[in-house]
N, C-alpha and C. Protein backbone atom coordinates (compact mmCIF):
# COMPACT_ATOMS: atom_id res chain seq x y z
N MET A 1 14.77 -4.31 29.04
CA MET A 1 13.26 -3.14 28.13
C MET A 1 13.97 -3.02 27.10
N ARG A 2 15.40 -2.60 26.56
CA ARG A 2 16.04 -2.55 25.58
C ARG A 2 15.23 -3.65 24.36
N LEU A 3 15.12 -5.13 24.71
CA LEU A 3 14.72 -5.67 24.10
C LEU A 3 13.23 -5.57 23.44
N GLU A 4 13.06 -4.96 24.62
CA GLU A 4 11.43 -4.59 24.08
C GLU A 4 10.87 -3.79 23.15
N ILE A 5 11.79 -2.48 22.83
CA ILE A 5 11.84 -1.37 22.47
C ILE A 5 12.09 -2.00 21.30
N HIS A 6 13.30 -2.66 20.95
CA HIS A 6 13.57 -2.93 19.98
C HIS A 6 12.43 -3.40 18.95
N SER A 7 12.06 -4.70 20.03
CA SER A 7 11.01 -5.28 18.97
C SER A 7 9.67 -4.67 18.48
N GLU A 8 9.37 -4.04 19.80
CA GLU A 8 7.90 -3.02 19.43
C GLU A 8 8.35 -1.93 17.71
N LEU A 9 9.99 -1.58 17.90
CA LEU A 9 10.19 -0.69 16.94
C LEU A 9 10.15 -1.57 15.36
N GLU A 10 10.30 -2.96 15.50
CA GLU A 10 10.51 -3.80 14.26
C GLU A 10 9.05 -4.04 14.04
N ASN A 11 8.33 -4.15 14.99
CA ASN A 11 7.11 -4.95 14.66
C ASN A 11 6.03 -4.01 14.02
N LYS A 12 6.31 -2.04 14.58
CA LYS A 12 5.42 -0.91 14.10
C LYS A 12 6.38 -1.02 12.54
N MET A 13 7.31 -1.31 12.25
CA MET A 13 7.93 -0.78 11.01
C MET A 13 7.70 -1.51 10.17
N SER A 14 7.35 -2.92 10.70
CA SER A 14 6.78 -4.30 9.58
C SER A 14 5.70 -3.27 9.11
N LYS A 15 4.62 -3.06 10.01
CA LYS A 15 3.23 -2.58 9.68
C LYS A 15 3.11 -1.26 8.43
N THR A 16 4.45 -0.53 8.97
CA THR A 16 4.76 0.11 7.96
C THR A 16 4.91 -0.29 6.52
N ILE A 17 5.70 -0.72 6.65
CA ILE A 17 5.32 -2.02 5.66
C ILE A 17 4.90 -2.78 4.97
N SER A 18 3.85 -3.23 5.66
CA SER A 18 2.84 -3.75 5.37
C SER A 18 1.38 -2.93 3.86
N ALA A 19 1.77 -1.73 4.95
CA ALA A 19 0.99 -0.50 4.50
C ALA A 19 1.47 -0.33 3.06
N LEU A 20 2.44 -0.50 3.08
CA LEU A 20 3.20 0.28 1.60
C LEU A 20 3.00 -0.59 0.55
N LYS A 21 3.21 -2.15 1.19
CA LYS A 21 2.91 -3.26 0.12
C LYS A 21 1.16 -2.85 -0.41
N GLU A 22 0.66 -2.69 0.30
CA GLU A 22 -0.96 -2.59 -0.22
C GLU A 22 -1.30 -1.17 -1.02
N ASP A 23 -0.29 0.11 -0.45
CA ASP A 23 -0.52 1.30 -1.29
C ASP A 23 -0.26 0.77 -2.75
N LEU A 24 1.18 0.47 -3.01
CA LEU A 24 1.55 0.01 -4.06
C LEU A 24 0.89 -0.88 -5.04
N ALA A 25 0.38 -2.07 -4.18
CA ALA A 25 -0.43 -2.96 -4.83
C ALA A 25 -1.88 -1.88 -5.92
N SER A 26 -2.36 -1.55 -5.20
CA SER A 26 -3.56 -0.37 -5.90
C SER A 26 -2.63 0.29 -7.37
N ILE A 27 -1.90 0.75 -6.99
CA ILE A 27 -1.28 1.37 -8.29
C ILE A 27 -1.51 0.57 -9.49
N ARG A 28 -1.90 1.67 -10.51
CA ARG A 28 -1.76 0.48 -11.38
C ARG A 28 -0.48 0.03 -12.52
N ALA A 29 -0.30 -0.87 -12.73
CA ALA A 29 0.40 -1.00 -13.54
C ALA A 29 -0.17 -0.92 -14.95
N GLY A 30 1.30 -2.05 -15.81
CA GLY A 30 0.55 -1.78 -17.34
C GLY A 30 -0.57 -3.34 -17.44
N ARG A 31 -0.43 -4.08 -16.15
CA ARG A 31 -1.69 -5.34 -16.47
C ARG A 31 -2.63 -4.71 -15.41
N ALA A 32 -3.66 -5.95 -15.38
CA ALA A 32 -5.02 -6.09 -14.84
C ALA A 32 -4.69 -6.88 -13.53
N ASN A 33 -4.36 -6.26 -12.43
CA ASN A 33 -4.21 -6.59 -11.16
C ASN A 33 -5.69 -6.69 -10.59
N PRO A 34 -6.42 -7.42 -9.69
CA PRO A 34 -7.49 -7.40 -9.30
C PRO A 34 -7.64 -6.55 -7.38
N ALA A 35 -6.40 -6.20 -7.12
CA ALA A 35 -6.02 -5.57 -6.05
C ALA A 35 -6.14 -3.91 -6.40
N MET A 36 -5.97 -3.58 -8.17
CA MET A 36 -6.64 -2.51 -8.09
C MET A 36 -7.46 -1.83 -7.80
N LEU A 37 -8.76 -3.06 -7.46
CA LEU A 37 -10.05 -1.87 -6.89
C LEU A 37 -10.11 -2.21 -5.45
N ASP A 38 -9.02 -2.36 -4.77
CA ASP A 38 -9.23 -3.20 -3.50
C ASP A 38 -9.38 -1.11 -2.63
N ARG A 39 -9.41 0.08 -3.00
CA ARG A 39 -9.46 1.01 -2.74
C ARG A 39 -11.03 1.28 -3.23
N VAL A 40 -11.58 0.36 -4.13
CA VAL A 40 -13.28 0.75 -4.72
C VAL A 40 -14.23 0.48 -3.49
N PHE A 41 -15.17 1.64 -2.84
CA PHE A 41 -16.46 0.78 -2.11
C PHE A 41 -17.41 1.26 -2.75
N VAL A 42 -18.42 0.36 -2.62
CA VAL A 42 -19.37 0.41 -3.38
C VAL A 42 -20.91 0.70 -1.99
N GLU A 43 -21.96 1.84 -2.73
CA GLU A 43 -22.69 1.63 -1.88
C GLU A 43 -23.65 0.39 -1.75
N TYR A 44 -23.78 -0.37 -0.82
CA TYR A 44 -24.66 -1.35 -0.48
C TYR A 44 -25.80 -1.71 0.50
N TYR A 45 -26.71 -1.49 -0.12
CA TYR A 45 -27.83 -1.47 1.09
C TYR A 45 -27.33 -0.04 2.46
N GLY A 46 -27.79 0.75 1.81
CA GLY A 46 -26.80 1.93 2.52
C GLY A 46 -25.26 1.97 3.01
N THR A 47 -24.86 1.04 3.04
CA THR A 47 -23.52 0.85 3.49
C THR A 47 -22.33 0.78 2.43
N SER A 48 -21.36 2.06 2.77
CA SER A 48 -20.26 1.45 1.52
C SER A 48 -19.31 0.36 2.70
N THR A 49 -19.16 -0.49 0.96
CA THR A 49 -18.76 -1.93 1.17
C THR A 49 -17.64 -1.53 0.21
N PRO A 50 -16.51 -2.55 0.76
CA PRO A 50 -15.95 -2.69 0.11
C PRO A 50 -15.90 -3.53 -1.27
N LEU A 51 -15.49 -3.16 -2.23
CA LEU A 51 -16.39 -4.50 -3.70
C LEU A 51 -15.48 -5.41 -3.21
N ASN A 52 -14.49 -5.76 -2.85
CA ASN A 52 -13.71 -7.78 -3.15
C ASN A 52 -15.07 -7.87 -1.93
N GLN A 53 -15.88 -7.46 -1.05
CA GLN A 53 -16.74 -8.44 -0.21
C GLN A 53 -17.84 -8.44 -0.88
N ILE A 54 -18.24 -7.58 -1.74
CA ILE A 54 -19.76 -7.62 -2.45
C ILE A 54 -19.43 -8.81 -3.53
N ALA A 55 -18.41 -8.50 -4.49
CA ALA A 55 -18.13 -9.41 -5.86
C ALA A 55 -16.75 -10.33 -5.88
N SER A 56 -17.17 -11.09 -6.50
CA SER A 56 -15.86 -11.89 -7.14
C SER A 56 -14.81 -11.05 -8.19
N VAL A 57 -13.69 -10.76 -7.73
CA VAL A 57 -12.91 -9.78 -8.50
C VAL A 57 -11.60 -10.92 -9.41
N THR A 58 -11.98 -11.24 -10.67
CA THR A 58 -10.49 -11.67 -11.22
C THR A 58 -9.90 -11.04 -12.38
N ALA A 59 -8.68 -11.54 -12.83
CA ALA A 59 -8.16 -11.17 -13.77
C ALA A 59 -7.87 -12.50 -15.06
N PRO A 60 -8.72 -12.25 -15.65
CA PRO A 60 -8.63 -13.67 -16.49
C PRO A 60 -7.40 -13.72 -17.57
N GLU A 61 -7.21 -12.85 -18.02
CA GLU A 61 -6.49 -11.96 -18.91
C GLU A 61 -5.59 -10.92 -18.67
N PRO A 62 -4.39 -10.60 -18.95
CA PRO A 62 -3.32 -9.63 -18.59
C PRO A 62 -4.13 -8.31 -18.89
N ARG A 63 -5.05 -7.91 -19.54
CA ARG A 63 -5.55 -6.65 -20.04
C ARG A 63 -7.03 -6.60 -19.56
N LEU A 64 -7.51 -7.90 -18.72
CA LEU A 64 -8.83 -8.02 -18.40
C LEU A 64 -9.34 -7.89 -17.11
N ILE A 65 -10.27 -7.56 -16.46
CA ILE A 65 -10.78 -7.72 -14.77
C ILE A 65 -11.79 -8.31 -15.13
N THR A 66 -12.21 -8.65 -14.62
CA THR A 66 -14.00 -9.45 -14.61
C THR A 66 -14.72 -9.27 -13.40
N ILE A 67 -15.60 -8.46 -12.64
CA ILE A 67 -16.68 -8.55 -11.32
C ILE A 67 -17.70 -9.08 -11.78
N GLN A 68 -17.42 -10.12 -10.72
CA GLN A 68 -19.00 -11.26 -10.58
C GLN A 68 -19.55 -10.79 -9.18
N PRO A 69 -20.61 -9.91 -9.38
CA PRO A 69 -21.30 -9.75 -7.68
C PRO A 69 -21.97 -10.72 -7.30
N TYR A 70 -22.11 -10.84 -6.13
CA TYR A 70 -22.58 -12.25 -5.61
C TYR A 70 -24.42 -12.01 -5.41
N ASP A 71 -24.53 -10.76 -5.30
CA ASP A 71 -25.68 -10.37 -5.33
C ASP A 71 -26.10 -9.30 -6.99
N GLN A 72 -26.74 -9.98 -8.09
CA GLN A 72 -27.16 -9.19 -9.60
C GLN A 72 -27.57 -7.65 -8.98
N SER A 73 -28.85 -7.69 -7.82
CA SER A 73 -28.79 -6.34 -7.19
C SER A 73 -27.85 -4.97 -7.67
N ALA A 74 -26.80 -5.64 -7.00
CA ALA A 74 -25.61 -4.65 -6.77
C ALA A 74 -24.73 -4.19 -8.05
N LEU A 75 -25.26 -4.97 -8.72
CA LEU A 75 -24.17 -4.45 -10.36
C LEU A 75 -24.11 -3.41 -10.88
N ALA A 76 -25.64 -2.05 -10.86
CA ALA A 76 -25.54 -1.00 -11.14
C ALA A 76 -24.54 0.23 -10.31
N ASN A 77 -24.77 -0.28 -8.56
CA ASN A 77 -23.82 0.16 -8.11
C ASN A 77 -22.01 0.49 -8.10
N ILE A 78 -21.98 -0.93 -8.05
CA ILE A 78 -20.60 -1.71 -8.53
C ILE A 78 -20.03 -0.52 -9.50
N GLU A 79 -20.79 -0.69 -11.24
CA GLU A 79 -20.23 -0.11 -12.03
C GLU A 79 -20.19 1.24 -11.55
N LYS A 80 -21.17 2.23 -10.96
CA LYS A 80 -21.10 3.02 -10.32
C LYS A 80 -20.04 3.92 -9.65
N ALA A 81 -19.26 3.35 -8.82
CA ALA A 81 -18.23 3.23 -7.98
C ALA A 81 -17.00 3.06 -9.28
N ILE A 82 -16.90 2.41 -9.65
CA ILE A 82 -15.58 2.08 -10.75
C ILE A 82 -15.51 3.34 -11.09
N LEU A 83 -16.90 4.12 -11.85
CA LEU A 83 -16.82 5.19 -12.69
C LEU A 83 -16.26 6.14 -12.14
N GLN A 84 -16.91 6.56 -10.40
CA GLN A 84 -16.45 7.78 -9.83
C GLN A 84 -14.81 7.31 -9.42
N SER A 85 -14.64 6.42 -9.24
CA SER A 85 -13.13 6.17 -8.51
C SER A 85 -12.03 6.78 -9.33
N ASP A 86 -10.58 7.26 -8.75
CA ASP A 86 -9.58 7.53 -9.45
C ASP A 86 -8.81 6.79 -10.47
N LEU A 87 -9.20 5.41 -10.97
CA LEU A 87 -8.79 4.45 -11.74
C LEU A 87 -7.89 5.23 -13.08
N GLY A 88 -9.60 5.70 -13.62
CA GLY A 88 -9.53 6.15 -15.25
C GLY A 88 -9.59 4.85 -16.41
N VAL A 89 -10.56 4.12 -15.78
CA VAL A 89 -10.92 3.06 -16.24
C VAL A 89 -12.17 3.12 -16.57
N ASN A 90 -12.77 2.29 -17.68
CA ASN A 90 -14.41 2.39 -18.22
C ASN A 90 -15.39 1.01 -18.31
N PRO A 91 -16.24 0.60 -17.09
CA PRO A 91 -15.95 -0.80 -16.80
C PRO A 91 -17.72 -1.04 -17.75
N SER A 92 -17.45 -2.08 -18.15
CA SER A 92 -18.90 -2.69 -19.36
C SER A 92 -19.50 -3.51 -18.69
N ASN A 93 -20.85 -3.24 -18.99
CA ASN A 93 -21.84 -4.61 -17.41
C ASN A 93 -22.60 -4.98 -18.77
N ASP A 94 -22.71 -6.69 -18.48
CA ASP A 94 -23.32 -7.07 -19.88
C ASP A 94 -24.93 -7.87 -18.99
N GLY A 95 -25.62 -6.92 -18.13
CA GLY A 95 -26.24 -7.59 -17.00
C GLY A 95 -25.99 -9.02 -15.83
N LYS A 96 -24.63 -9.34 -16.34
CA LYS A 96 -24.30 -10.39 -15.01
C LYS A 96 -22.96 -9.88 -14.54
N ILE A 97 -21.72 -9.44 -15.89
CA ILE A 97 -20.96 -9.35 -14.85
C ILE A 97 -20.36 -7.58 -15.61
N ILE A 98 -19.45 -7.59 -14.92
CA ILE A 98 -18.68 -6.32 -15.50
C ILE A 98 -17.12 -6.51 -15.89
N ARG A 99 -16.81 -6.09 -17.02
CA ARG A 99 -15.63 -5.87 -17.69
C ARG A 99 -15.19 -4.99 -17.70
N ILE A 100 -13.92 -5.09 -17.44
CA ILE A 100 -12.61 -3.98 -17.23
C ILE A 100 -11.65 -4.32 -18.50
N ILE A 101 -11.79 -2.88 -19.31
CA ILE A 101 -10.54 -3.70 -20.28
C ILE A 101 -9.52 -2.53 -19.57
N ILE A 102 -8.43 -2.97 -19.53
CA ILE A 102 -7.36 -2.20 -19.47
C ILE A 102 -6.41 -1.64 -20.31
N PRO A 103 -6.06 -0.06 -19.87
CA PRO A 103 -6.03 0.44 -21.57
C PRO A 103 -4.31 0.21 -21.52
N GLN A 104 -3.30 0.63 -22.65
CA GLN A 104 -2.47 0.34 -22.42
C GLN A 104 -2.02 1.89 -21.72
N LEU A 105 -0.67 1.45 -20.96
CA LEU A 105 -0.49 2.61 -20.38
C LEU A 105 0.18 4.05 -21.39
N THR A 106 -0.13 4.90 -21.51
CA THR A 106 1.00 6.16 -22.09
C THR A 106 2.23 6.77 -21.15
N GLU A 107 2.67 6.94 -22.15
CA GLU A 107 3.94 7.56 -21.58
C GLU A 107 4.10 8.46 -20.28
N GLU A 108 2.77 9.24 -20.87
CA GLU A 108 2.56 10.70 -19.63
C GLU A 108 2.57 9.90 -18.15
N ARG A 109 1.29 8.71 -18.37
CA ARG A 109 0.88 8.28 -17.42
C ARG A 109 1.60 7.77 -16.36
N ARG A 110 2.60 7.21 -17.02
CA ARG A 110 3.29 6.11 -16.57
C ARG A 110 4.34 6.93 -15.90
N LYS A 111 4.77 7.86 -15.79
CA LYS A 111 5.65 9.02 -15.61
C LYS A 111 4.95 9.77 -14.53
N ASP A 112 3.53 9.71 -14.33
CA ASP A 112 2.64 9.70 -13.05
C ASP A 112 2.42 8.98 -11.92
N LEU A 113 2.45 8.09 -12.30
CA LEU A 113 2.51 6.63 -11.79
C LEU A 113 3.56 6.95 -10.69
N ILE A 114 4.82 6.71 -11.48
CA ILE A 114 6.02 6.69 -10.61
C ILE A 114 6.46 7.97 -10.04
N LYS A 115 5.77 9.09 -10.02
CA LYS A 115 5.74 10.24 -8.69
C LYS A 115 4.64 9.58 -8.24
N ILE A 116 3.87 8.88 -8.49
CA ILE A 116 3.10 8.74 -7.38
C ILE A 116 4.06 7.40 -6.52
N VAL A 117 4.09 7.06 -7.41
CA VAL A 117 5.02 5.79 -6.32
C VAL A 117 6.30 6.08 -5.48
N LYS A 118 6.94 7.06 -6.03
CA LYS A 118 8.23 7.66 -5.49
C LYS A 118 7.50 8.31 -3.80
N LYS A 119 6.25 9.46 -3.84
CA LYS A 119 5.07 9.68 -3.13
C LYS A 119 5.15 8.98 -1.85
N THR A 120 5.09 7.78 -2.12
CA THR A 120 3.94 6.73 -1.13
C THR A 120 5.51 6.12 -0.68
N ALA A 121 6.11 5.83 -1.69
CA ALA A 121 7.90 5.50 -0.81
C ALA A 121 8.74 6.14 0.44
N GLU A 122 8.16 7.59 0.06
CA GLU A 122 8.45 8.69 0.75
C GLU A 122 7.95 9.28 2.12
N ASP A 123 6.79 8.42 1.98
CA ASP A 123 5.77 8.81 3.16
C ASP A 123 5.62 7.77 3.84
N SER A 124 6.51 6.83 3.59
CA SER A 124 6.75 5.13 3.90
C SER A 124 7.74 5.53 4.66
N LYS A 125 9.47 6.27 4.21
CA LYS A 125 10.15 6.23 4.46
C LYS A 125 9.68 7.39 6.26
N ILE A 126 8.93 8.46 5.92
CA ILE A 126 8.66 9.06 6.94
C ILE A 126 8.22 8.31 8.06
N ALA A 127 7.16 7.78 8.10
CA ALA A 127 6.83 7.16 8.84
C ALA A 127 7.40 6.05 9.96
N LEU A 128 8.56 5.59 8.94
CA LEU A 128 10.12 4.77 9.70
C LEU A 128 10.86 5.59 10.70
N ARG A 129 11.06 7.01 9.73
CA ARG A 129 12.10 7.96 10.92
C ARG A 129 10.98 8.63 12.00
N ASN A 130 10.19 8.55 11.60
CA ASN A 130 8.92 8.82 12.90
C ASN A 130 9.61 7.81 14.34
N GLU A 131 9.18 6.78 13.95
CA GLU A 131 9.17 5.15 14.76
C GLU A 131 10.57 5.49 15.26
N ARG A 132 11.56 5.45 14.34
CA ARG A 132 13.03 5.88 14.81
C ARG A 132 12.91 6.77 16.49
N ARG A 133 12.69 8.09 15.76
CA ARG A 133 12.28 9.14 16.69
C ARG A 133 12.13 8.59 18.33
N ASN A 134 10.73 8.11 17.79
CA ASN A 134 10.12 7.32 19.05
C ASN A 134 10.68 6.32 20.14
N ALA A 135 11.39 5.46 19.50
CA ALA A 135 12.39 4.79 20.23
C ALA A 135 13.63 5.47 20.89
N ASN A 136 14.32 6.57 19.90
CA ASN A 136 15.65 6.91 20.53
C ASN A 136 14.83 8.07 21.41
N ASP A 137 14.13 8.52 21.49
CA ASP A 137 13.10 8.92 22.59
C ASP A 137 13.00 8.52 24.10
N LYS A 138 12.65 7.33 23.68
CA LYS A 138 12.41 6.41 25.28
C LYS A 138 13.63 6.09 25.48
N PHE A 139 14.67 5.82 24.66
CA PHE A 139 16.41 5.36 25.25
C PHE A 139 16.89 6.83 25.99
N LYS A 140 16.44 8.25 25.47
CA LYS A 140 17.00 9.12 26.26
C LYS A 140 16.21 8.97 27.14
N LYS A 141 14.78 9.05 27.39
CA LYS A 141 14.50 9.34 28.98
C LYS A 141 14.79 7.97 29.62
N MET A 142 14.63 6.79 29.34
CA MET A 142 15.83 5.82 30.08
C MET A 142 17.39 6.31 30.68
N GLU A 143 17.35 7.02 30.20
CA GLU A 143 19.42 7.47 30.50
C GLU A 143 18.84 8.41 31.69
N LYS A 144 18.12 9.76 31.02
CA LYS A 144 17.55 10.53 32.15
C LYS A 144 17.27 9.76 33.66
N GLU A 145 16.74 8.89 33.83
CA GLU A 145 16.27 8.43 35.03
C GLU A 145 17.25 7.11 35.35
N ASN A 146 18.18 7.54 34.74
CA ASN A 146 19.64 7.10 35.20
C ASN A 146 19.42 4.76 34.83
N GLU A 147 18.24 4.72 34.27
CA GLU A 147 17.67 3.24 33.71
C GLU A 147 19.28 2.68 32.89
N LEU A 148 19.83 3.62 32.50
CA LEU A 148 20.79 3.14 31.04
C LEU A 148 21.91 4.01 31.24
N THR A 149 22.62 3.47 31.16
CA THR A 149 24.07 4.24 30.70
C THR A 149 24.49 5.02 29.56
N GLU A 150 25.74 6.01 29.32
CA GLU A 150 25.63 6.61 28.27
C GLU A 150 26.04 6.18 27.15
N ASP A 151 26.93 4.48 27.46
CA ASP A 151 27.68 3.79 26.46
C ASP A 151 26.32 2.43 26.03
N GLU A 152 25.45 2.66 26.86
CA GLU A 152 24.14 1.49 26.58
C GLU A 152 23.32 2.33 25.99
N LEU A 153 23.13 3.58 26.20
CA LEU A 153 22.27 4.28 24.87
C LEU A 153 23.09 4.47 23.82
N ARG A 154 24.02 5.15 23.62
CA ARG A 154 24.58 4.44 22.22
C ARG A 154 24.70 3.63 21.77
N ASP A 155 25.34 1.88 22.32
CA ASP A 155 24.72 0.98 21.78
C ASP A 155 22.70 0.96 21.22
N ALA A 156 22.46 1.03 22.28
CA ALA A 156 20.68 1.69 21.97
C ALA A 156 20.27 1.95 20.57
N GLN A 157 20.44 3.18 20.55
CA GLN A 157 20.81 3.73 19.04
C GLN A 157 21.23 3.63 18.04
N ASP A 158 22.43 2.67 18.37
CA ASP A 158 23.05 2.14 17.19
C ASP A 158 22.28 1.12 16.32
N GLU A 159 21.35 0.03 17.36
CA GLU A 159 20.36 -0.88 17.04
C GLU A 159 19.17 -0.66 16.41
N VAL A 160 18.74 0.85 16.64
CA VAL A 160 17.58 1.13 16.71
C VAL A 160 18.11 1.85 14.99
N GLN A 161 19.20 2.58 14.48
CA GLN A 161 19.35 2.69 13.39
C GLN A 161 19.89 1.64 12.83
N LYS A 162 20.41 0.05 13.13
CA LYS A 162 20.50 -0.61 12.31
C LYS A 162 19.35 -1.32 11.60
N ILE A 163 18.24 -1.17 12.10
CA ILE A 163 16.63 -1.28 11.99
C ILE A 163 16.26 -0.62 11.19
N THR A 164 16.37 0.98 11.51
CA THR A 164 15.38 1.60 10.48
C THR A 164 16.15 1.75 8.96
N ASP A 165 17.56 1.70 9.18
CA ASP A 165 18.42 0.93 8.01
C ASP A 165 17.90 0.05 6.84
N LYS A 166 17.30 -1.10 8.04
CA LYS A 166 17.15 -2.32 7.03
C LYS A 166 15.72 -2.30 6.49
N PHE A 167 14.87 -1.40 7.38
CA PHE A 167 13.66 -1.44 6.65
C PHE A 167 13.28 -0.07 5.59
N ILE A 168 14.41 0.85 5.58
CA ILE A 168 14.22 1.68 4.35
C ILE A 168 15.16 1.22 3.25
N LYS A 169 15.90 0.29 3.60
CA LYS A 169 16.14 -0.42 2.12
C LYS A 169 15.16 -1.42 1.55
N ASN A 170 13.96 -1.97 2.19
CA ASN A 170 13.35 -2.82 1.82
C ASN A 170 12.45 -1.56 1.24
N VAL A 171 11.73 -0.30 1.82
CA VAL A 171 10.85 0.37 0.62
C VAL A 171 11.60 0.69 -0.40
N ASP A 172 12.98 0.98 -0.08
CA ASP A 172 13.55 1.58 -1.91
C ASP A 172 13.58 0.30 -2.57
N GLU A 173 13.45 -0.84 -2.05
CA GLU A 173 13.57 -1.92 -3.09
C GLU A 173 12.03 -2.23 -3.40
N LEU A 174 11.07 -1.89 -2.94
CA LEU A 174 9.67 -2.08 -3.04
C LEU A 174 9.58 -1.32 -4.04
N ALA A 175 9.75 0.44 -4.07
CA ALA A 175 9.18 1.28 -4.66
C ALA A 175 10.06 0.90 -6.09
N ASP A 176 11.29 0.42 -5.64
CA ASP A 176 11.56 0.03 -7.19
C ASP A 176 11.41 -0.79 -8.35
N LYS A 177 10.85 -2.11 -7.05
CA LYS A 177 10.02 -2.95 -8.20
C LYS A 177 8.78 -2.32 -8.60
N LYS A 178 7.67 -1.73 -8.50
CA LYS A 178 7.24 -1.16 -8.64
C LYS A 178 7.17 -0.34 -9.90
N GLU A 179 8.27 0.45 -9.48
CA GLU A 179 8.74 1.35 -11.04
C GLU A 179 9.06 0.64 -12.09
N GLN A 180 9.63 -0.23 -11.72
CA GLN A 180 9.99 -1.11 -13.03
C GLN A 180 8.46 -1.72 -13.50
N ASP A 181 7.87 -2.09 -13.01
CA ASP A 181 6.47 -2.77 -13.33
C ASP A 181 5.53 -1.85 -14.19
N VAL A 182 5.83 -0.72 -13.81
CA VAL A 182 5.06 0.55 -14.73
C VAL A 182 5.85 0.67 -15.59
N MET A 183 6.78 0.92 -15.58
CA MET A 183 7.71 1.26 -16.92
C MET A 183 7.62 0.27 -17.71
N GLU A 184 7.08 -1.30 -17.26
CA GLU A 184 7.16 -2.58 -18.36
C GLU A 184 6.33 -2.04 -19.31
N VAL A 185 6.63 -2.33 -20.81
CA VAL A 185 5.55 -2.06 -21.55
C VAL A 185 4.82 -3.05 -22.17
């Protein structure tokens, strides 16, 4: 039972790390990255559809993203969705392809992005701590029901803490790497 709870904890924490990676990928660093547009949804035949499902999104140059819609009729809606997003970029449309030139980040914008990175990392740490608390609660309940001794409870909680520390260190490393990307000129 202890192993099941520990493996379930690792599984849930891994999902938290995956979500953090996705969130960090969508935060704009200094260079073009197609993942920036992962959160852009386009109104397509009455349905809100992720941009990457209705168009090919590539970054052929460090400061350029090109979007080639699979269906040309969606071009105007894609452009509108990008303008309405919080990316702060201006798409240019030549009738076949949308090009987005990624401007150089200002120092002020970089500092804002770092605040967002830190907040995202802190939210992930909170989620990890909540998972830790849930696992510890399960072990305390098992002890109350005499399924665990006090020593076994302490060992189980120590293992939960080791797992949590490992994942929090992972969050810190990911956030530091993203901060370096953002500050890179």
